[in-house]
Structures are given as structure tokens and as C-alpha cells.
Amino acid sequence: MTVSVHNPDRYMADLRTIVAQGRKRIGFLIGAGAAAGIQSPSGSGPLIPAVDELTNRILKTLEGDYGPVLSAIKKHLPSGNIETILSRIRSLAGVIGDGDIDGLNGAAYAELGRRICAEIGTTVDVQLPAGESPYRNVVNWIIGTDRVHPVELFTTNYDLLFEEAFERSRAPYFDGFTGGREPFFDPVTIASNDLPPRWTRLWKLHGSLGWKANENDEVIRTGEASSTHLIFPEHLKYDQTQKAPYAALFDRLRAFLMTEDTLLIAVGFSFADAHVSARVDESLAGNPSASVFAFQFRELADEKFASGLALKRPNFSVYARDKAIINGVIGDWRPGDPLSRDWEPIRSTYWNSVGSGKSEFLLGDFTSLARFFALSSSGQAFEPPTSDETTAELVT
């Protein structure tokens, strides 16, 4: 039987070289799993729970008032997470008026939607812990190099952790809004992308704490965490002004991936979100020079959505805990000889022995990936990899 193996040393040497320089056009796609890997300072668990746990918490909180209604909604949804539940509720609020579905009319569904947003806001309204964090490490990597192209951060998260990290480091960023009293969304600047490269682009694909719709139904940024304008665009139909922020942000994701020679680093993102995955898929199909490196926290067998894309698109690579899919080839991780005399400390940033002769790839964890990026600019020297194949075929 023929078994493919991938040497993580050579791929990480190449990646380390790329991220240490400032010439490559690099973006990040950050999902809910990123913050879920950071422990709360109180030691009570994750700083922000992942989507499944967030859903469970909110449904439990609202069960006393809305238990039967929420159960009925979940029965009609293939994925009963809080985003799709909220989308369904808002859809019902907009169409049934004085009618009645499961005991609620349109106004009551609108109130339920507001209750869910308030609970989400309360859960994700946390502060970045003091000291080192993966968010600070990413920001330090961004500002540590003169760049030809700006770094673009796409995130489906509602929290303000990246905003806080940029502000602590006094690093400029642009999130699509401009103004003083009530910053307004400016799609022209997003489309033209003509700000200086030192300004990081921060795109909140599903909305954010601090966003709300004003009296003209335009989304503004308030600076108040109590304001929440959260959305899952695939399931909702808005008029042009309400839809504009999300349409422009998803168009920006597509434009980034349609640009020649781009690299998108995904972490904490399962690719179960059909709307995001479809944009990534169609863009990679249309632009073979773009690449996505998906760093997944779990073993490959548990990452079916990311694996499906990787087997379909050779420019989409999955780096899972036990295996990888690179150039459409599934292979076990198998390190080779150290690439230089001082390679072992570098290897320890992405590879770890877990005992009993087993090892695992670490960079599916956002904390490890952020440190890998930050340390890439540390100046630690190593010999460049040879031109040997990075994927080997073993006959067993």
C-alpha cells in the first residue's frame, strides 16, 4: 500500500521565510475557535466560548421565557447554532406581522432577536488579558516589518479583542467606518483599498459589538459594547442600506483572494459556514495563484468541511493535528532531519511530542500560530531548505 507523508519542517521553513519578510500579500481568516483557545484570567474556562458552547449558554438563559419557540426553530435548521437561530428569528420578525407562529407574532420575534443579541454581547464583551496574548503577537508581527501590502484580517467574531490589541500597541487599523460622533460605513474606501500599507484592514464579516442601525437604517459604529448588529447574511434579506456593510465586506474577501499571489491564513475556523466557504471556493477556482493555508485544531478526520475544500482545490491546504492535505494529497506528518544546527528550537514552535512515540502539529491552535508568526521576525538564523521534495511516497 502506498502511503503519502508530509514533512512539516520544510513547509514551516518556507512559511517562516514568507512571514518574516514584508513582500507577500497576507491575510487572516479568524474564526470563533481562536478566542476559545485563550483561558479566562479567572481560570473559569475559555475567554470566549466557541459557537456551540455560546449557543448552549444563550439557549439555557432564554429557556424559561422562550423554550418551546427556540425548540421549534431548531427543528427547522440543519445547523442549530446561535447565528442561524438568530437569522431565522429575524426573518420571521420581518414577515409575519400580526400573524402567529409557535405563539409569537412579528413584534415578539423582533424582541426575541434583541434578547439574543444582548446575551451574545454580554458573553463576548470581554477584555484582552494583560501581557502576551495571540492577538498582541499577531499585531506585533504586523507592525514589526515594513510592508509592501497591508495585512487584512477577516473575522466572523463579534468581540473587540483585535481592536484592543491594535490600540494597546498604538497600531493603526481601518474597519470600514469613518467619522467622529457616529462613524459611518464607507464601502468606497473598502473597494479602493487605497490606505497606506501600515494600516491593517480589519473586516468583521458577521458584524460586531458596537455596531447598530441608526434612524435611517444605516449601520454605524457607536463605540458602545451594548450595541450589537449581528448578522448571518446567507439567511437574511435586507434593503440596500442594511445589506451594504455585509455585502461590501464579503466582496472584499473575494477581491483579496482574486488578487494575484495572495496567501490567506485560516485559524479557528471550521469552514462549516457555507457563505464564507463558497466565497473562498469560487475565488480559488478563479485565481490559481492565490493560496489558503487552513490551520485546523482537530485531527484531519474531524475537519470534514476544510478537508472537502482541500481535496477539491489544490491551492487550499489543510494543516491538521495529525495529518495534512497539501496539493490535494492526504499525508501523515513525518519530520525529517533538522534543516540546520539550530532548527530544534524552531521546530518546537510547531511540533510537539505527546508521549508514547506520538507527536502532533501545533499550529491549529491560535496561540501557537500567533507565536510562530511573532518569532519569525526574531532574526534566528537557519539554513534555507534544499530543493528536495517536501512530500514523500512510502511503500508499506
Protein backbone atom coordinates (compact mmCIF):
# COMPACT_ATOMS: atom_id res chain seq x y z
CA MET A 1 0.00 0.00 0.00
CA THR A 2 1.28 3.48 -0.85
CA VAL A 3 1.17 6.00 1.98
CA SER A 4 1.97 9.68 1.50
CA VAL A 5 3.78 11.68 4.14
CA HIS A 6 4.38 15.42 4.51
CA ASN A 7 7.48 16.85 6.13
CA PRO A 8 6.34 19.74 8.38
CA ASP A 9 9.88 21.13 8.65
CA ARG A 10 10.11 22.10 5.01
CA TYR A 11 6.65 23.62 4.82
CA MET A 12 7.17 25.61 8.00
CA ALA A 13 10.61 26.76 6.83
CA ASP A 14 9.01 28.15 3.70
CA LEU A 15 6.18 29.76 5.68
CA ARG A 16 8.61 31.23 8.20
CA THR A 17 10.59 32.84 5.41
CA ILE A 18 7.44 34.29 3.85
CA VAL A 19 6.07 35.79 7.07
CA ALA A 20 9.46 37.17 8.15
CA GLN A 21 9.54 39.36 5.06
CA GLY A 22 7.19 42.18 4.18
CA ARG A 23 6.67 41.49 0.49
CA LYS A 24 3.91 38.85 0.39
CA ARG A 25 0.26 39.87 0.38
CA ILE A 26 -1.04 38.09 3.51
CA GLY A 27 -4.47 37.90 5.10
CA PHE A 28 -6.01 36.04 8.02
CA LEU A 29 -9.40 34.39 8.39
CA ILE A 30 -10.11 34.18 12.13
CA GLY A 31 -12.98 32.07 13.47
CA ALA A 32 -14.56 31.53 16.85
CA GLY A 33 -12.05 28.83 17.76
CA ALA A 34 -9.34 31.48 18.09
CA ALA A 35 -10.65 33.13 21.25
CA ALA A 36 -11.93 29.81 22.57
CA GLY A 37 -8.32 28.70 22.98
CA ILE A 38 -7.50 31.56 25.37
CA GLN A 39 -8.22 30.94 29.03
CA SER A 40 -10.07 33.49 31.11
CA PRO A 41 -7.84 35.22 33.72
CA SER A 42 -10.16 33.82 36.37
CA GLY A 43 -9.39 30.28 35.22
CA SER A 44 -13.10 29.54 34.72
CA GLY A 45 -12.71 28.36 31.12
CA PRO A 46 -12.27 29.92 27.67
CA LEU A 47 -12.17 33.70 27.45
CA ILE A 48 -14.97 33.45 24.88
CA PRO A 49 -16.72 30.13 24.22
CA ALA A 50 -16.82 28.64 20.74
CA VAL A 51 -20.09 28.77 18.79
CA ASP A 52 -21.53 25.51 20.15
CA GLU A 53 -20.95 26.46 23.78
CA LEU A 54 -22.10 30.03 23.13
CA THR A 55 -25.33 28.62 21.67
CA ASN A 56 -25.88 26.34 24.65
CA ARG A 57 -25.36 29.18 27.14
CA ILE A 58 -27.75 31.56 25.43
CA LEU A 59 -30.48 28.97 24.88
CA LYS A 60 -30.26 27.95 28.52
CA THR A 61 -30.56 31.59 29.63
CA LEU A 62 -33.65 32.15 27.46
CA GLU A 63 -35.25 28.76 28.03
CA GLY A 64 -37.60 29.99 30.74
CA ASP A 65 -39.18 32.63 28.51
CA TYR A 66 -38.80 31.12 25.03
CA GLY A 67 -38.08 27.39 25.42
CA PRO A 68 -40.85 25.98 23.14
CA VAL A 69 -40.27 28.61 20.44
CA LEU A 70 -36.49 28.02 20.33
CA SER A 71 -37.01 24.24 20.21
CA ALA A 72 -39.40 24.65 17.26
CA ILE A 73 -36.93 26.88 15.41
CA LYS A 74 -34.05 24.44 15.90
CA LYS A 75 -36.11 21.62 14.35
CA HIS A 76 -36.20 23.50 11.04
CA LEU A 77 -32.47 24.33 10.90
CA PRO A 78 -29.76 21.97 9.63
CA SER A 79 -27.25 23.74 11.85
CA GLY A 80 -28.83 24.96 15.05
CA ASN A 81 -26.11 27.36 16.14
CA ILE A 82 -26.89 30.79 17.52
CA GLU A 83 -26.21 32.59 14.23
CA THR A 84 -28.67 30.54 12.19
CA ILE A 85 -31.21 30.70 15.00
CA LEU A 86 -30.91 34.49 15.11
CA SER A 87 -31.24 34.69 11.34
CA ARG A 88 -34.43 32.61 11.42
CA ILE A 89 -35.91 34.76 14.18
CA ARG A 90 -35.19 37.98 12.31
CA SER A 91 -36.69 36.54 9.15
CA LEU A 92 -39.91 35.67 10.99
CA ALA A 93 -39.99 39.09 12.65
CA GLY A 94 -39.90 40.73 9.25
CA VAL A 95 -42.62 38.75 7.51
CA ILE A 96 -45.39 37.52 9.83
CA GLY A 97 -46.61 40.88 11.17
CA ASP A 98 -49.63 40.31 13.40
CA GLY A 99 -49.73 36.62 12.49
CA ASP A 100 -48.73 33.91 14.90
CA ILE A 101 -46.10 31.20 14.61
CA ASP A 102 -45.41 28.99 17.63
CA GLY A 103 -47.14 31.51 19.86
CA LEU A 104 -45.27 34.66 18.83
CA ASN A 105 -46.12 37.44 16.36
CA GLY A 106 -43.66 39.55 14.40
CA ALA A 107 -43.06 42.07 17.19
CA ALA A 108 -42.43 39.29 19.70
CA TYR A 109 -39.90 37.66 17.38
CA ALA A 110 -38.17 41.02 17.00
CA GLU A 111 -37.92 41.26 20.78
CA LEU A 112 -36.52 37.73 20.97
CA GLY A 113 -33.89 38.73 18.43
CA ARG A 114 -32.91 41.70 20.58
CA ARG A 115 -32.69 39.45 23.65
CA ILE A 116 -30.34 37.07 21.83
CA CYS A 117 -28.13 39.94 20.65
CA ALA A 118 -27.96 41.28 24.19
CA GLU A 119 -26.92 37.87 25.51
CA ILE A 120 -24.28 37.48 22.80
CA GLY A 121 -22.99 40.96 23.60
CA THR A 122 -22.73 40.13 27.29
CA THR A 123 -20.85 36.88 26.60
CA VAL A 124 -18.30 38.27 24.12
CA ASP A 125 -17.82 41.61 25.84
CA VAL A 126 -14.50 40.70 27.43
CA GLN A 127 -11.19 42.47 27.69
CA LEU A 128 -7.91 41.20 26.35
CA PRO A 129 -5.80 39.80 29.20
CA ALA A 130 -2.74 41.79 30.21
CA GLY A 131 0.63 40.71 28.89
CA GLU A 132 1.27 38.38 25.99
CA SER A 133 -1.68 37.06 24.01
CA PRO A 134 -2.07 35.69 20.48
CA TYR A 135 -3.80 38.93 19.47
CA ARG A 136 -0.87 41.02 20.69
CA ASN A 137 1.56 38.63 18.97
CA VAL A 138 -0.20 38.99 15.63
CA VAL A 139 -0.24 42.78 15.96
CA ASN A 140 3.44 42.84 16.92
CA TRP A 141 4.26 40.73 13.87
CA ILE A 142 2.26 43.10 11.65
CA ILE A 143 3.95 46.27 12.87
CA GLY A 144 7.41 44.70 13.16
CA THR A 145 8.11 44.84 9.41
CA ASP A 146 7.85 47.46 6.68
CA ARG A 147 5.23 46.09 4.33
CA VAL A 148 4.60 46.44 0.61
CA HIS A 149 0.96 45.36 1.12
CA PRO A 150 -1.31 45.81 4.12
CA VAL A 151 -2.29 42.79 6.22
CA GLU A 152 -6.02 42.06 6.02
CA LEU A 153 -7.82 40.40 8.94
CA PHE A 154 -11.20 38.81 8.14
CA THR A 155 -13.09 37.57 11.16
CA THR A 156 -16.55 36.20 11.87
CA ASN A 157 -16.16 37.05 15.56
CA TYR A 158 -18.14 39.81 17.29
CA ASP A 159 -15.65 40.62 20.06
CA LEU A 160 -13.31 43.61 20.20
CA LEU A 161 -10.11 41.73 21.05
CA PHE A 162 -8.25 42.66 17.87
CA GLU A 163 -9.34 46.29 18.21
CA GLU A 164 -7.99 46.31 21.76
CA ALA A 165 -4.71 44.72 20.69
CA PHE A 166 -4.17 47.34 17.97
CA GLU A 167 -4.98 50.16 20.35
CA ARG A 168 -2.65 48.88 23.08
CA SER A 169 0.16 48.80 20.53
CA ARG A 170 -0.85 52.18 19.04
CA ALA A 171 -1.09 50.46 15.65
CA PRO A 172 -3.42 51.98 13.03
CA TYR A 173 -6.22 49.91 11.53
CA PHE A 174 -9.29 50.50 9.35
CA ASP A 175 -12.54 48.59 9.89
CA GLY A 176 -14.67 50.17 7.18
CA PHE A 177 -16.04 53.01 9.32
CA THR A 178 -15.05 56.65 9.42
CA GLY A 179 -16.28 59.63 11.39
CA GLY A 180 -16.33 61.08 14.90
CA ARG A 181 -19.69 61.21 16.67
CA GLU A 182 -21.34 58.34 14.77
CA PRO A 183 -18.76 56.68 12.48
CA PHE A 184 -20.41 55.54 9.27
CA PHE A 185 -19.58 52.67 6.96
CA ASP A 186 -17.61 53.68 3.85
CA PRO A 187 -17.71 50.97 1.15
CA VAL A 188 -15.80 53.14 -1.35
CA THR A 189 -12.62 53.05 0.74
CA ILE A 190 -13.02 49.31 1.22
CA ALA A 191 -13.34 48.74 -2.52
CA SER A 192 -10.49 51.05 -3.49
CA ASN A 193 -8.20 49.76 -0.71
CA ASP A 194 -6.04 52.87 -1.04
CA LEU A 195 -4.97 53.46 2.55
CA PRO A 196 -1.23 53.17 3.37
CA PRO A 197 0.12 49.62 3.89
CA ARG A 198 0.89 50.35 7.55
CA TRP A 199 -2.88 50.50 8.20
CA THR A 200 -4.12 46.97 8.86
CA ARG A 201 -7.56 46.17 7.45
CA LEU A 202 -9.95 44.60 9.99
CA TRP A 203 -13.10 43.20 8.41
CA LYS A 204 -15.89 41.96 10.75
CA LEU A 205 -17.83 39.71 8.37
CA HIS A 206 -20.72 38.96 10.73
CA GLY A 207 -20.97 42.30 12.49
CA SER A 208 -19.56 43.43 15.80
CA LEU A 209 -20.14 44.72 19.26
CA GLY A 210 -20.53 48.46 18.96
CA TRP A 211 -22.48 48.37 15.69
CA LYS A 212 -26.12 49.41 15.42
CA ALA A 213 -28.61 50.66 12.85
CA ASN A 214 -29.48 54.36 13.14
CA GLU A 215 -32.81 56.02 12.37
CA ASN A 216 -32.02 55.79 8.62
CA ASP A 217 -31.36 52.05 8.84
CA GLU A 218 -27.67 52.64 8.19
CA VAL A 219 -25.19 50.65 10.26
CA ILE A 220 -22.94 52.87 12.37
CA ARG A 221 -20.20 52.17 14.90
CA THR A 222 -21.09 53.52 18.34
CA GLY A 223 -18.12 52.54 20.48
CA GLU A 224 -20.57 51.08 22.99
CA ALA A 225 -20.32 47.35 23.64
CA SER A 226 -24.02 47.26 24.48
CA SER A 227 -24.84 47.95 20.82
CA THR A 228 -24.95 44.82 18.68
CA HIS A 229 -25.70 44.46 14.99
CA LEU A 230 -25.05 40.79 14.35
CA ILE A 231 -25.96 39.06 11.16
CA PHE A 232 -25.58 35.88 9.16
CA PRO A 233 -26.00 37.27 5.65
CA GLU A 234 -26.84 33.99 3.89
CA HIS A 235 -30.21 33.73 5.62
CA LEU A 236 -31.37 37.33 5.67
CA LYS A 237 -32.79 39.74 3.11
CA TYR A 238 -32.33 43.46 3.81
CA ASP A 239 -32.84 46.56 1.77
CA GLN A 240 -29.74 48.04 0.20
CA THR A 241 -28.64 50.21 3.13
CA GLN A 242 -28.99 47.43 5.66
CA LYS A 243 -27.27 44.88 3.46
CA ALA A 244 -24.45 47.19 2.39
CA PRO A 245 -21.91 46.60 5.17
CA TYR A 246 -22.00 42.84 4.87
CA ALA A 247 -22.11 42.73 1.09
CA ALA A 248 -19.10 45.06 0.88
CA LEU A 249 -17.14 43.03 3.44
CA PHE A 250 -17.76 39.73 1.67
CA ASP A 251 -16.88 41.39 -1.64
CA ARG A 252 -13.60 42.44 -0.02
CA LEU A 253 -12.85 38.82 0.91
CA ARG A 254 -13.42 37.80 -2.68
CA ALA A 255 -11.33 40.71 -4.02
CA PHE A 256 -8.46 39.77 -1.72
CA LEU A 257 -8.45 36.17 -2.94
CA MET A 258 -8.80 37.23 -6.56
CA THR A 259 -5.62 39.32 -6.32
CA GLU A 260 -2.50 37.73 -7.77
CA ASP A 261 -0.14 35.90 -5.40
CA THR A 262 -2.07 36.19 -2.13
CA LEU A 263 -1.95 33.96 0.93
CA LEU A 264 -4.88 33.63 3.34
CA ILE A 265 -4.10 32.03 6.72
CA ALA A 266 -7.19 30.50 8.37
CA VAL A 267 -7.26 29.57 12.06
CA GLY A 268 -10.07 28.81 14.49
CA PHE A 269 -12.43 28.42 11.52
CA SER A 270 -14.11 25.11 10.67
CA PHE A 271 -15.35 26.15 7.18
CA ALA A 272 -18.81 24.91 8.13
CA ASP A 273 -20.06 28.43 7.33
CA ALA A 274 -21.37 27.85 3.81
CA HIS A 275 -21.41 31.55 2.93
CA VAL A 276 -17.72 32.11 3.68
CA SER A 277 -16.65 28.75 2.26
CA ALA A 278 -18.46 29.43 -1.02
CA ARG A 279 -16.62 32.74 -1.46
CA VAL A 280 -13.29 31.07 -0.74
CA ASP A 281 -14.03 28.17 -3.09
CA GLU A 282 -15.12 30.30 -6.05
CA SER A 283 -12.19 32.67 -5.61
CA LEU A 284 -9.58 29.90 -5.51
CA ALA A 285 -11.16 28.34 -8.60
CA GLY A 286 -10.85 31.65 -10.42
CA ASN A 287 -7.36 32.52 -9.22
CA PRO A 288 -4.87 29.62 -9.07
CA SER A 289 -2.12 32.00 -7.87
CA ALA A 290 -3.94 32.55 -4.55
CA SER A 291 -3.47 30.12 -1.66
CA VAL A 292 -5.27 29.28 1.56
CA PHE A 293 -3.47 27.60 4.45
CA ALA A 294 -6.11 26.28 6.85
CA PHE A 295 -4.60 25.53 10.26
CA GLN A 296 -7.10 23.23 11.99
CA PHE A 297 -7.18 22.43 15.69
CA ARG A 298 -8.55 18.88 15.49
CA GLU A 299 -7.37 15.75 13.72
CA LEU A 300 -7.99 15.61 9.98
CA ALA A 301 -10.86 13.12 10.23
CA ASP A 302 -12.81 15.67 12.29
CA GLU A 303 -12.24 18.54 9.84
CA LYS A 304 -14.60 17.41 7.08
CA PHE A 305 -15.51 20.87 5.76
CA ALA A 306 -11.92 22.07 5.39
CA SER A 307 -10.87 18.68 4.00
CA GLY A 308 -13.60 18.82 1.39
CA LEU A 309 -12.27 22.11 0.06
CA ALA A 310 -8.65 20.89 0.13
CA LEU A 311 -9.47 17.78 -1.90
CA LYS A 312 -11.32 19.96 -4.40
CA ARG A 313 -8.83 22.84 -4.72
CA PRO A 314 -5.06 22.16 -4.84
CA ASN A 315 -4.39 25.74 -3.73
CA PHE A 316 -6.25 25.08 -0.47
CA SER A 317 -4.08 23.26 2.09
CA VAL A 318 -5.16 21.82 5.44
CA TYR A 319 -2.68 21.53 8.30
CA ALA A 320 -4.37 19.40 10.95
CA ARG A 321 -3.06 17.94 14.20
CA ASP A 322 -2.17 14.51 12.80
CA LYS A 323 -2.19 14.85 9.02
CA ALA A 324 -2.22 17.37 6.19
CA ILE A 325 -3.74 17.78 2.76
CA ILE A 326 -1.30 19.62 0.52
CA ASN A 327 -1.69 19.92 -3.26
CA GLY A 328 -4.70 17.64 -2.93
CA VAL A 329 -2.63 14.84 -1.34
CA ILE A 330 -3.53 13.44 2.09
CA GLY A 331 -0.47 12.52 4.12
CA ASP A 332 0.73 11.78 7.62
CA TRP A 333 3.07 14.26 9.22
CA ARG A 334 6.65 12.95 9.20
CA PRO A 335 9.51 15.30 10.19
CA GLY A 336 12.87 14.77 8.55
CA ASP A 337 16.37 15.64 9.63
CA PRO A 338 16.77 19.12 11.19
CA LEU A 339 17.32 21.73 8.50
CA SER A 340 20.18 23.33 10.43
CA ARG A 341 22.08 23.02 13.70
CA ASP A 342 19.68 25.40 15.46
CA TRP A 343 16.47 24.02 13.94
CA GLU A 344 15.24 22.11 17.01
CA PRO A 345 14.12 25.30 18.88
CA ILE A 346 12.31 26.42 15.73
CA ARG A 347 10.69 23.01 15.31
CA SER A 348 9.34 23.20 18.86
CA THR A 349 7.16 26.17 17.84
CA TYR A 350 5.03 23.96 15.55
CA TRP A 351 5.75 20.33 16.56
CA ASN A 352 5.35 18.62 19.91
CA SER A 353 5.88 15.16 21.35
CA VAL A 354 2.85 13.93 23.29
CA GLY A 355 4.44 10.72 24.57
CA SER A 356 4.26 7.04 23.61
CA GLY A 357 6.15 7.82 20.44
CA LYS A 358 3.41 10.13 19.16
CA SER A 359 3.77 13.75 18.09
CA GLU A 360 1.38 16.41 16.86
CA PHE A 361 1.33 19.55 14.74
CA LEU A 362 0.56 22.58 16.91
CA LEU A 363 -0.37 25.48 14.67
CA GLY A 364 -4.09 24.74 14.56
CA ASP A 365 -4.09 26.43 17.96
CA PHE A 366 -4.28 30.22 17.52
CA THR A 367 -1.89 30.83 20.42
CA SER A 368 0.80 28.64 18.84
CA LEU A 369 0.26 30.08 15.36
CA ALA A 370 0.49 33.67 16.60
CA ARG A 371 3.75 32.92 18.44
CA PHE A 372 5.12 31.25 15.31
CA PHE A 373 4.42 34.43 13.35
CA ALA A 374 5.85 36.71 16.05
CA LEU A 375 9.02 34.63 16.37
CA SER A 376 9.52 34.53 12.60
CA SER A 377 10.85 38.08 12.85
CA SER A 378 13.19 37.28 15.75
CA GLY A 379 16.22 37.03 13.49
CA GLN A 380 17.05 33.45 14.43
CA ALA A 381 19.11 32.19 11.52
CA PHE A 382 18.64 28.90 9.73
CA GLU A 383 19.83 27.36 6.51
CA PRO A 384 17.27 27.53 3.71
CA PRO A 385 15.64 24.23 2.71
CA THR A 386 17.06 22.34 -0.23
CA SER A 387 15.10 21.72 -3.38
CA ASP A 388 14.26 18.16 -2.28
CA GLU A 389 10.64 17.10 -2.44
CA THR A 390 8.58 18.09 0.58
CA THR A 391 6.18 15.23 0.06
CA ALA A 392 7.49 11.67 0.03
CA GLU A 393 5.90 8.39 -1.01
CA LEU A 394 6.46 5.38 1.28
CA VAL A 395 5.66 1.85 0.20
CA THR A 396 4.46 -0.35 3.04
